[in-house]
Amino acid sequence: MFRKFIAGTAVAGALTFGMAGIAGAATSTPTGTPSAALCAKAAKVEARIQTFEAKVNARIPKAEAREATARAAGHTKVADFIANRITKVQARETKLNARLAKIEAKCGTTGATGSAVG
């Protein structure tokens, strides 16, 4: 008798959670249309990316100078580390610009970002 009760409870729970999963899947929004919240945040995101770009553009020459100094002094490991870090920062900036372009394309806005670092 006790086994039947546990089995019945397990089946009822599975059906309940299964139906909740189906109902949750039916109420999801399509991924093709941008949300109003995303488009409202586009200007803020663009401002943050421009701030990041300004900082990167100010720091990259200093880092390149440190790399050259380290190479001249024979510290190749340090120079390689600095060069690797510069590459990562530039890749991050490229990725952020790509995301911003994607947001602008979805929301139909245009931005003034896209400066090249190098």
C-alpha atoms as a PDB file:
ATOM      1  CA  MET A   1       0.000   0.000   0.000  1.00  0.00           C
ATOM      2  CA  PHE A   2       2.805   2.388   0.915  1.00  0.00           C
ATOM      3  CA  ARG A   3       4.609   1.685  -2.371  1.00  0.00           C
ATOM      4  CA  LYS A   4       1.518   2.536  -4.384  1.00  0.00           C
ATOM      5  CA  PHE A   5       1.218   5.834  -2.511  1.00  0.00           C
ATOM      6  CA  ILE A   6       4.847   6.779  -3.238  1.00  0.00           C
ATOM      7  CA  ALA A   7       4.533   5.726  -6.896  1.00  0.00           C
ATOM      8  CA  GLY A   8       1.294   7.707  -7.282  1.00  0.00           C
ATOM      9  CA  THR A   9       2.862  10.778  -5.697  1.00  0.00           C
ATOM     10  CA  ALA A  10       5.883  10.500  -7.979  1.00  0.00           C
ATOM     11  CA  VAL A  11       3.713  10.181 -11.099  1.00  0.00           C
ATOM     12  CA  ALA A  12       1.499  13.103 -10.044  1.00  0.00           C
ATOM     13  CA  GLY A  13       4.570  15.249  -9.331  1.00  0.00           C
ATOM     14  CA  ALA A  14       6.130  14.381 -12.672  1.00  0.00           C
ATOM     15  CA  LEU A  15       2.941  15.247 -14.505  1.00  0.00           C
ATOM     16  CA  THR A  16       2.588  18.507 -12.590  1.00  0.00           C
ATOM     17  CA  PHE A  17       6.139  19.635 -13.267  1.00  0.00           C
ATOM     18  CA  GLY A  18       5.944  18.343 -16.829  1.00  0.00           C
ATOM     19  CA  MET A  19       2.876  20.473 -17.512  1.00  0.00           C
ATOM     20  CA  ALA A  20       4.540  23.478 -15.898  1.00  0.00           C
ATOM     21  CA  GLY A  21       7.511  23.019 -18.205  1.00  0.00           C
ATOM     22  CA  ILE A  22       5.244  22.897 -21.256  1.00  0.00           C
ATOM     23  CA  ALA A  23       3.358  25.990 -20.092  1.00  0.00           C
ATOM     24  CA  GLY A  24       6.630  27.806 -19.464  1.00  0.00           C
ATOM     25  CA  ALA A  25       7.881  26.930 -22.920  1.00  0.00           C
ATOM     26  CA  ALA A  26       4.675  28.209 -24.520  1.00  0.00           C
ATOM     27  CA  THR A  27       5.050  31.649 -22.942  1.00  0.00           C
ATOM     28  CA  SER A  28       8.616  32.338 -24.093  1.00  0.00           C
ATOM     29  CA  THR A  29       9.224  35.306 -26.357  1.00  0.00           C
ATOM     30  CA  PRO A  30      10.621  34.910 -29.851  1.00  0.00           C
ATOM     31  CA  THR A  31      14.322  35.663 -30.197  1.00  0.00           C
ATOM     32  CA  GLY A  32      14.081  37.597 -33.468  1.00  0.00           C
ATOM     33  CA  THR A  33      12.543  40.787 -32.102  1.00  0.00           C
ATOM     34  CA  PRO A  34      14.428  43.059 -29.716  1.00  0.00           C
ATOM     35  CA  SER A  35      12.880  43.928 -26.414  1.00  0.00           C
ATOM     36  CA  ALA A  36      12.064  47.507 -25.526  1.00  0.00           C
ATOM     37  CA  ALA A  37      14.374  47.235 -22.504  1.00  0.00           C
ATOM     38  CA  LEU A  38      17.331  46.289 -24.701  1.00  0.00           C
ATOM     39  CA  CYS A  39      16.721  49.200 -27.055  1.00  0.00           C
ATOM     40  CA  ALA A  40      16.305  51.580 -24.122  1.00  0.00           C
ATOM     41  CA  LYS A  41      19.697  50.508 -22.766  1.00  0.00           C
ATOM     42  CA  ALA A  42      21.468  50.874 -26.127  1.00  0.00           C
ATOM     43  CA  ALA A  43      22.576  54.464 -25.456  1.00  0.00           C
ATOM     44  CA  LYS A  44      23.909  53.530 -22.018  1.00  0.00           C
ATOM     45  CA  VAL A  45      25.790  50.549 -23.440  1.00  0.00           C
ATOM     46  CA  GLU A  46      27.259  52.738 -26.173  1.00  0.00           C
ATOM     47  CA  ALA A  47      28.445  55.275 -23.596  1.00  0.00           C
ATOM     48  CA  ARG A  48      30.119  52.549 -21.529  1.00  0.00           C
ATOM     49  CA  ILE A  49      31.868  51.151 -24.592  1.00  0.00           C
ATOM     50  CA  GLN A  50      33.096  54.621 -25.567  1.00  0.00           C
ATOM     51  CA  THR A  51      34.487  55.095 -22.046  1.00  0.00           C
ATOM     52  CA  PHE A  52      36.249  51.729 -22.299  1.00  0.00           C
ATOM     53  CA  GLU A  53      37.680  52.655 -25.707  1.00  0.00           C
ATOM     54  CA  ALA A  54      38.992  55.967 -24.374  1.00  0.00           C
ATOM     55  CA  LYS A  55      40.772  54.212 -21.525  1.00  0.00           C
ATOM     56  CA  VAL A  56      42.193  51.563 -23.856  1.00  0.00           C
ATOM     57  CA  ASN A  57      43.428  54.189 -26.312  1.00  0.00           C
ATOM     58  CA  ALA A  58      45.185  56.001 -23.456  1.00  0.00           C
ATOM     59  CA  ARG A  59      46.806  52.881 -21.976  1.00  0.00           C
ATOM     60  CA  ILE A  60      47.864  50.899 -25.060  1.00  0.00           C
ATOM     61  CA  PRO A  61      50.811  53.181 -25.983  1.00  0.00           C
ATOM     62  CA  LYS A  62      52.082  53.028 -22.399  1.00  0.00           C
ATOM     63  CA  ALA A  63      51.855  49.234 -22.398  1.00  0.00           C
ATOM     64  CA  GLU A  64      53.616  49.035 -25.753  1.00  0.00           C
ATOM     65  CA  ALA A  65      56.407  51.230 -24.374  1.00  0.00           C
ATOM     66  CA  ARG A  66      56.753  48.931 -21.335  1.00  0.00           C
ATOM     67  CA  GLU A  67      56.897  45.947 -23.675  1.00  0.00           C
ATOM     68  CA  ALA A  68      59.653  47.551 -25.762  1.00  0.00           C
ATOM     69  CA  THR A  69      61.608  48.454 -22.622  1.00  0.00           C
ATOM     70  CA  ALA A  70      61.329  44.898 -21.312  1.00  0.00           C
ATOM     71  CA  ARG A  71      62.486  43.428 -24.636  1.00  0.00           C
ATOM     72  CA  ALA A  72      65.427  45.836 -24.777  1.00  0.00           C
ATOM     73  CA  ALA A  73      66.435  44.797 -21.255  1.00  0.00           C
ATOM     74  CA  GLY A  74      66.267  41.119 -22.223  1.00  0.00           C
ATOM     75  CA  HIS A  75      63.130  40.292 -20.203  1.00  0.00           C
ATOM     76  CA  THR A  76      61.369  38.302 -22.886  1.00  0.00           C
ATOM     77  CA  LYS A  77      58.898  36.582 -20.568  1.00  0.00           C
ATOM     78  CA  VAL A  78      57.687  39.909 -19.194  1.00  0.00           C
ATOM     79  CA  ALA A  79      57.528  41.385 -22.692  1.00  0.00           C
ATOM     80  CA  ASP A  80      55.561  38.396 -23.961  1.00  0.00           C
ATOM     81  CA  PHE A  81      53.141  38.725 -21.036  1.00  0.00           C
ATOM     82  CA  ILE A  82      52.566  42.418 -21.783  1.00  0.00           C
ATOM     83  CA  ALA A  83      52.108  41.719 -25.509  1.00  0.00           C
ATOM     84  CA  ASN A  84      49.607  38.968 -24.720  1.00  0.00           C
ATOM     85  CA  ARG A  85      47.663  41.301 -22.450  1.00  0.00           C
ATOM     86  CA  ILE A  86      47.569  44.007 -25.132  1.00  0.00           C
ATOM     87  CA  THR A  87      46.202  41.459 -27.598  1.00  0.00           C
ATOM     88  CA  LYS A  88      43.492  40.373 -25.145  1.00  0.00           C
ATOM     89  CA  VAL A  89      42.388  43.948 -24.484  1.00  0.00           C
ATOM     90  CA  GLN A  90      42.198  44.704 -28.194  1.00  0.00           C
ATOM     91  CA  ALA A  91      40.202  41.511 -28.783  1.00  0.00           C
ATOM     92  CA  ARG A  92      37.805  42.522 -26.005  1.00  0.00           C
ATOM     93  CA  GLU A  93      37.305  45.920 -27.595  1.00  0.00           C
ATOM     94  CA  THR A  94      36.579  44.294 -30.952  1.00  0.00           C
ATOM     95  CA  LYS A  95      34.058  41.971 -29.320  1.00  0.00           C
ATOM     96  CA  LEU A  96      32.317  44.871 -27.566  1.00  0.00           C
ATOM     97  CA  ASN A  97      32.091  46.829 -30.813  1.00  0.00           C
ATOM     98  CA  ALA A  98      30.578  43.782 -32.529  1.00  0.00           C
ATOM     99  CA  ARG A  99      27.970  43.447 -29.781  1.00  0.00           C
ATOM    100  CA  LEU A 100      27.135  47.134 -30.017  1.00  0.00           C
ATOM    101  CA  ALA A 101      26.733  46.852 -33.784  1.00  0.00           C
ATOM    102  CA  LYS A 102      24.402  43.897 -33.274  1.00  0.00           C
ATOM    103  CA  ILE A 103      22.277  45.848 -30.778  1.00  0.00           C
ATOM    104  CA  GLU A 104      22.155  48.861 -33.088  1.00  0.00           C
ATOM    105  CA  ALA A 105      21.121  46.656 -36.013  1.00  0.00           C
ATOM    106  CA  LYS A 106      18.290  45.086 -34.011  1.00  0.00           C
ATOM    107  CA  CYS A 107      17.025  48.352 -32.573  1.00  0.00           C
ATOM    108  CA  GLY A 108      17.523  50.447 -35.689  1.00  0.00           C
ATOM    109  CA  THR A 109      19.811  52.973 -33.991  1.00  0.00           C
ATOM    110  CA  THR A 110      23.170  54.230 -35.124  1.00  0.00           C
ATOM    111  CA  GLY A 111      26.180  54.928 -32.969  1.00  0.00           C
ATOM    112  CA  ALA A 112      29.446  56.785 -33.190  1.00  0.00           C
ATOM    113  CA  THR A 113      31.731  53.971 -32.009  1.00  0.00           C
ATOM    114  CA  GLY A 114      34.093  51.875 -34.017  1.00  0.00           C
ATOM    115  CA  SER A 115      37.502  53.387 -33.470  1.00  0.00           C
ATOM    116  CA  ALA A 116      40.461  51.243 -34.391  1.00  0.00           C
ATOM    117  CA  VAL A 117      43.177  50.423 -31.900  1.00  0.00           C
ATOM    118  CA  GLY A 118      46.551  49.310 -33.029  1.00  0.00           C
END
